[in-house]
Structure formats: structure tokens, C-alpha cells
Amino acid sequence: MQRTAVNPWDWSLKLGYNQAEIIEGTSRQLICAGQTAVDGDGNPQHPGDMRGQIGLALDNLEAVLAGANMGLSNVVQLGVYATDVDEALRNFDLLGMRFGPIQCAPPMTLLGVTRLAIPGLMFEIKATAAA
């Protein structure tokens, strides 16, 4: 897979994402449902702890990707939903710790929402991946 960043401005790079990417040479695409801080039985974890919820949501995203023989380096787009955008942004270093070392900065949208599908959840991340 060949990725070419498209950044008419560089401000988003400081936040860890490209404005757009041209993706070439792929043969498979994976559309992931939003991943949250739930255990294997779907029970919410880390109540009131945004950092814990982001970490587990990322773990769950990586598990889904692994199930398709992919990893975070295959992610070509992210959608993030948070019930408290400021608190989520304070903990976005967790995304940087995962995506930074593999030099992956997929285009991303962060939206503030009043609540998520399961009460008590504060963070959800969905991804599109390609290989």
C-alpha cells in the first residue's frame, strides 16, 4: 500500500493527522464499527476514566484489525466521538503513542456527542483500513 499525504497546511500534523491521503495499491478494505471501552462480553469498563476508555478502545480496535490480518499501519481514516472533547484531547497522546512510532497519520475527524450508545461510555473510535 502506497500512502501519499495531502496537506495544503501543516497545522494538523502537530495534532497527529493528515488532511487527506492518497491510498494506492490496495486489494482489501476493512470498515470497522466504532470501538469503545468494553470487555469481551460488551460490558463497559473504566467508568469516569477517559484515559482508561481511550486505551481500551484502542486495544479493541487493534484486536479487530488483527482479526483481519491488519494493524494500525493499515488504518486510512479515523472517526472519533467523545462526550467531552477537551478531556479526550488531553489524552490524545495515547493515539500518538500508538500511531506515531509507525509513522501513520490517517485523516481523522473528532466529534463531540452528548452520549454514546452504551451509558457510561465516553469515547468511541471507528476506522477504515486497507491492505
C-alpha atoms as a PDB file:
ATOM      1  CA  MET A   1       0.000   0.000   0.000  1.00  0.00           C
ATOM      2  CA  GLN A   2       1.314   3.414  -1.007  1.00  0.00           C
ATOM      3  CA  ARG A   3       0.244   6.425   1.079  1.00  0.00           C
ATOM      4  CA  THR A   4       0.763   9.997  -0.092  1.00  0.00           C
ATOM      5  CA  ALA A   5      -0.081  12.745   2.379  1.00  0.00           C
ATOM      6  CA  VAL A   6      -2.046  15.754   1.137  1.00  0.00           C
ATOM      7  CA  ASN A   7      -1.571  18.720   3.463  1.00  0.00           C
ATOM      8  CA  PRO A   8      -2.170  22.179   1.972  1.00  0.00           C
ATOM      9  CA  TRP A   9      -1.471  23.405   5.536  1.00  0.00           C
ATOM     10  CA  ASP A  10       0.678  21.721   8.173  1.00  0.00           C
ATOM     11  CA  TRP A  11      -1.265  22.581  11.349  1.00  0.00           C
ATOM     12  CA  SER A  12      -2.929  19.144  11.536  1.00  0.00           C
ATOM     13  CA  LEU A  13       0.454  17.409  11.561  1.00  0.00           C
ATOM     14  CA  LYS A  14       1.049  18.862  15.037  1.00  0.00           C
ATOM     15  CA  LEU A  15      -2.147  17.073  16.113  1.00  0.00           C
ATOM     16  CA  GLY A  16      -1.071  13.786  14.533  1.00  0.00           C
ATOM     17  CA  TYR A  17      -3.104  13.538  11.350  1.00  0.00           C
ATOM     18  CA  ASN A  18      -3.006  14.414   7.659  1.00  0.00           C
ATOM     19  CA  GLN A  19      -5.706  16.478   5.978  1.00  0.00           C
ATOM     20  CA  ALA A  20      -6.005  13.723   3.367  1.00  0.00           C
ATOM     21  CA  GLU A  21      -4.097  10.770   1.975  1.00  0.00           C
ATOM     22  CA  ILE A  22      -3.974   9.235  -1.465  1.00  0.00           C
ATOM     23  CA  ILE A  23      -4.088   5.454  -0.998  1.00  0.00           C
ATOM     24  CA  GLU A  24      -2.829   3.303  -3.872  1.00  0.00           C
ATOM     25  CA  GLY A  25      -2.048  -0.351  -4.372  1.00  0.00           C
ATOM     26  CA  THR A  26      -4.644  -1.885  -2.063  1.00  0.00           C
ATOM     27  CA  SER A  27      -6.689  -5.017  -2.639  1.00  0.00           C
ATOM     28  CA  ARG A  28      -8.705  -5.265   0.603  1.00  0.00           C
ATOM     29  CA  GLN A  29     -10.636  -2.749   2.646  1.00  0.00           C
ATOM     30  CA  LEU A  30     -11.920  -3.167   6.203  1.00  0.00           C
ATOM     31  CA  ILE A  31     -14.700  -0.990   7.629  1.00  0.00           C
ATOM     32  CA  CYS A  32     -14.649  -1.174  11.427  1.00  0.00           C
ATOM     33  CA  ALA A  33     -17.595  -0.411  13.678  1.00  0.00           C
ATOM     34  CA  GLY A  34     -16.930   2.063  16.445  1.00  0.00           C
ATOM     35  CA  GLN A  35     -14.795   0.547  19.191  1.00  0.00           C
ATOM     36  CA  THR A  36     -15.299   1.515  22.806  1.00  0.00           C
ATOM     37  CA  ALA A  37     -14.090   0.597  26.267  1.00  0.00           C
ATOM     38  CA  VAL A  38     -15.955  -2.700  26.668  1.00  0.00           C
ATOM     39  CA  ASP A  39     -14.722  -6.136  27.655  1.00  0.00           C
ATOM     40  CA  GLY A  40     -15.193  -9.298  25.599  1.00  0.00           C
ATOM     41  CA  ASP A  41     -18.787  -9.580  26.809  1.00  0.00           C
ATOM     42  CA  GLY A  42     -19.672  -5.990  25.857  1.00  0.00           C
ATOM     43  CA  ASN A  43     -19.602  -4.670  29.438  1.00  0.00           C
ATOM     44  CA  PRO A  44     -18.416  -1.059  29.821  1.00  0.00           C
ATOM     45  CA  GLN A  45     -15.059  -0.629  31.552  1.00  0.00           C
ATOM     46  CA  HIS A  46     -13.245   2.315  33.195  1.00  0.00           C
ATOM     47  CA  PRO A  47     -16.296   4.353  34.297  1.00  0.00           C
ATOM     48  CA  GLY A  48     -15.489   8.064  34.513  1.00  0.00           C
ATOM     49  CA  ASP A  49     -11.914   7.488  33.259  1.00  0.00           C
ATOM     50  CA  MET A  50     -11.426   8.971  29.780  1.00  0.00           C
ATOM     51  CA  ARG A  51      -7.791   7.859  29.598  1.00  0.00           C
ATOM     52  CA  GLY A  52      -8.671   4.284  30.516  1.00  0.00           C
ATOM     53  CA  GLN A  53     -11.518   4.282  27.994  1.00  0.00           C
ATOM     54  CA  ILE A  54      -9.326   5.597  25.177  1.00  0.00           C
ATOM     55  CA  GLY A  55      -6.677   2.961  25.920  1.00  0.00           C
ATOM     56  CA  LEU A  56      -9.156   0.090  25.898  1.00  0.00           C
ATOM     57  CA  ALA A  57     -10.956   1.392  22.794  1.00  0.00           C
ATOM     58  CA  LEU A  58      -7.587   1.415  21.003  1.00  0.00           C
ATOM     59  CA  ASP A  59      -6.856  -2.116  22.255  1.00  0.00           C
ATOM     60  CA  ASN A  60     -10.242  -3.223  20.911  1.00  0.00           C
ATOM     61  CA  LEU A  61      -9.589  -1.510  17.575  1.00  0.00           C
ATOM     62  CA  GLU A  62      -6.252  -3.304  17.302  1.00  0.00           C
ATOM     63  CA  ALA A  63      -7.976  -6.628  18.062  1.00  0.00           C
ATOM     64  CA  VAL A  64     -10.499  -6.076  15.257  1.00  0.00           C
ATOM     65  CA  LEU A  65      -7.702  -5.137  12.854  1.00  0.00           C
ATOM     66  CA  ALA A  66      -5.705  -8.210  13.877  1.00  0.00           C
ATOM     67  CA  GLY A  67      -8.761 -10.359  13.162  1.00  0.00           C
ATOM     68  CA  ALA A  68      -8.466  -9.185   9.551  1.00  0.00           C
ATOM     69  CA  ASN A  69      -4.663  -9.681   9.486  1.00  0.00           C
ATOM     70  CA  MET A  70      -4.123  -5.925   9.644  1.00  0.00           C
ATOM     71  CA  GLY A  71      -2.675  -3.471  12.127  1.00  0.00           C
ATOM     72  CA  LEU A  72      -2.763   0.233  12.903  1.00  0.00           C
ATOM     73  CA  SER A  73      -0.455   0.894   9.953  1.00  0.00           C
ATOM     74  CA  ASN A  74      -3.324  -0.187   7.676  1.00  0.00           C
ATOM     75  CA  VAL A  75      -5.708   2.472   9.044  1.00  0.00           C
ATOM     76  CA  VAL A  76      -6.533   5.033   6.355  1.00  0.00           C
ATOM     77  CA  GLN A  77      -9.235   7.023   8.186  1.00  0.00           C
ATOM     78  CA  LEU A  78     -10.421   7.528  11.768  1.00  0.00           C
ATOM     79  CA  GLY A  79     -13.656   8.841  13.234  1.00  0.00           C
ATOM     80  CA  VAL A  80     -13.597   9.717  16.934  1.00  0.00           C
ATOM     81  CA  TYR A  81     -16.593  10.501  19.129  1.00  0.00           C
ATOM     82  CA  ALA A  82     -16.242  11.866  22.665  1.00  0.00           C
ATOM     83  CA  THR A  83     -18.705  13.049  25.270  1.00  0.00           C
ATOM     84  CA  ASP A  84     -16.040  15.513  26.496  1.00  0.00           C
ATOM     85  CA  VAL A  85     -13.844  16.747  23.651  1.00  0.00           C
ATOM     86  CA  ASP A  86     -11.489  18.698  25.926  1.00  0.00           C
ATOM     87  CA  GLU A  87     -10.857  15.653  28.122  1.00  0.00           C
ATOM     88  CA  ALA A  88     -10.366  13.455  25.064  1.00  0.00           C
ATOM     89  CA  LEU A  89      -7.834  15.899  23.610  1.00  0.00           C
ATOM     90  CA  ARG A  90      -5.935  15.967  26.918  1.00  0.00           C
ATOM     91  CA  ASN A  91      -5.463  12.228  26.458  1.00  0.00           C
ATOM     92  CA  PHE A  92      -4.779  12.138  22.706  1.00  0.00           C
ATOM     93  CA  ASP A  93      -1.151  11.357  23.486  1.00  0.00           C
ATOM     94  CA  LEU A  94      -2.421   7.759  23.698  1.00  0.00           C
ATOM     95  CA  LEU A  95      -3.184   7.879  19.970  1.00  0.00           C
ATOM     96  CA  GLY A  96       0.225   9.409  19.349  1.00  0.00           C
ATOM     97  CA  MET A  97       1.898   6.581  21.280  1.00  0.00           C
ATOM     98  CA  ARG A  98       0.237   4.029  19.002  1.00  0.00           C
ATOM     99  CA  PHE A  99       0.310   5.756  15.616  1.00  0.00           C
ATOM    100  CA  GLY A 100       3.480   7.864  16.000  1.00  0.00           C
ATOM    101  CA  PRO A 101       6.069   5.055  16.143  1.00  0.00           C
ATOM    102  CA  ILE A 102       4.656   3.508  12.955  1.00  0.00           C
ATOM    103  CA  GLN A 103       4.531   6.956  11.268  1.00  0.00           C
ATOM    104  CA  CYS A 104       0.845   6.623  10.479  1.00  0.00           C
ATOM    105  CA  ALA A 105      -1.210   9.835  10.499  1.00  0.00           C
ATOM    106  CA  PRO A 106      -4.554   8.916   8.930  1.00  0.00           C
ATOM    107  CA  PRO A 107      -7.121  11.634   8.244  1.00  0.00           C
ATOM    108  CA  MET A 108      -9.325  11.966  11.322  1.00  0.00           C
ATOM    109  CA  THR A 109     -12.498  13.661  12.483  1.00  0.00           C
ATOM    110  CA  LEU A 110     -13.247  14.280  16.175  1.00  0.00           C
ATOM    111  CA  LEU A 111     -16.854  14.976  17.130  1.00  0.00           C
ATOM    112  CA  GLY A 112     -18.349  15.914  20.465  1.00  0.00           C
ATOM    113  CA  VAL A 113     -21.533  13.997  21.279  1.00  0.00           C
ATOM    114  CA  THR A 114     -23.989  14.167  24.155  1.00  0.00           C
ATOM    115  CA  ARG A 115     -23.770  10.414  24.760  1.00  0.00           C
ATOM    116  CA  LEU A 116     -22.752   7.127  23.168  1.00  0.00           C
ATOM    117  CA  ALA A 117     -24.874   4.007  22.624  1.00  0.00           C
ATOM    118  CA  ILE A 118     -23.991   2.390  25.971  1.00  0.00           C
ATOM    119  CA  PRO A 119     -24.448   4.584  29.060  1.00  0.00           C
ATOM    120  CA  GLY A 120     -21.176   5.415  30.810  1.00  0.00           C
ATOM    121  CA  LEU A 121     -19.035   5.240  27.682  1.00  0.00           C
ATOM    122  CA  MET A 122     -17.254   8.483  26.847  1.00  0.00           C
ATOM    123  CA  PHE A 123     -15.072   7.608  23.835  1.00  0.00           C
ATOM    124  CA  GLU A 124     -15.580   5.716  20.594  1.00  0.00           C
ATOM    125  CA  ILE A 125     -13.233   5.280  17.639  1.00  0.00           C
ATOM    126  CA  LYS A 126     -14.065   3.867  14.224  1.00  0.00           C
ATOM    127  CA  ALA A 127     -11.643   3.141  11.424  1.00  0.00           C
ATOM    128  CA  THR A 128     -11.328   2.276   7.785  1.00  0.00           C
ATOM    129  CA  ALA A 129      -8.291   0.165   6.946  1.00  0.00           C
ATOM    130  CA  ALA A 130      -6.797  -1.098   3.694  1.00  0.00           C
ATOM    131  CA  ALA A 131      -4.195  -3.633   2.664  1.00  0.00           C
END
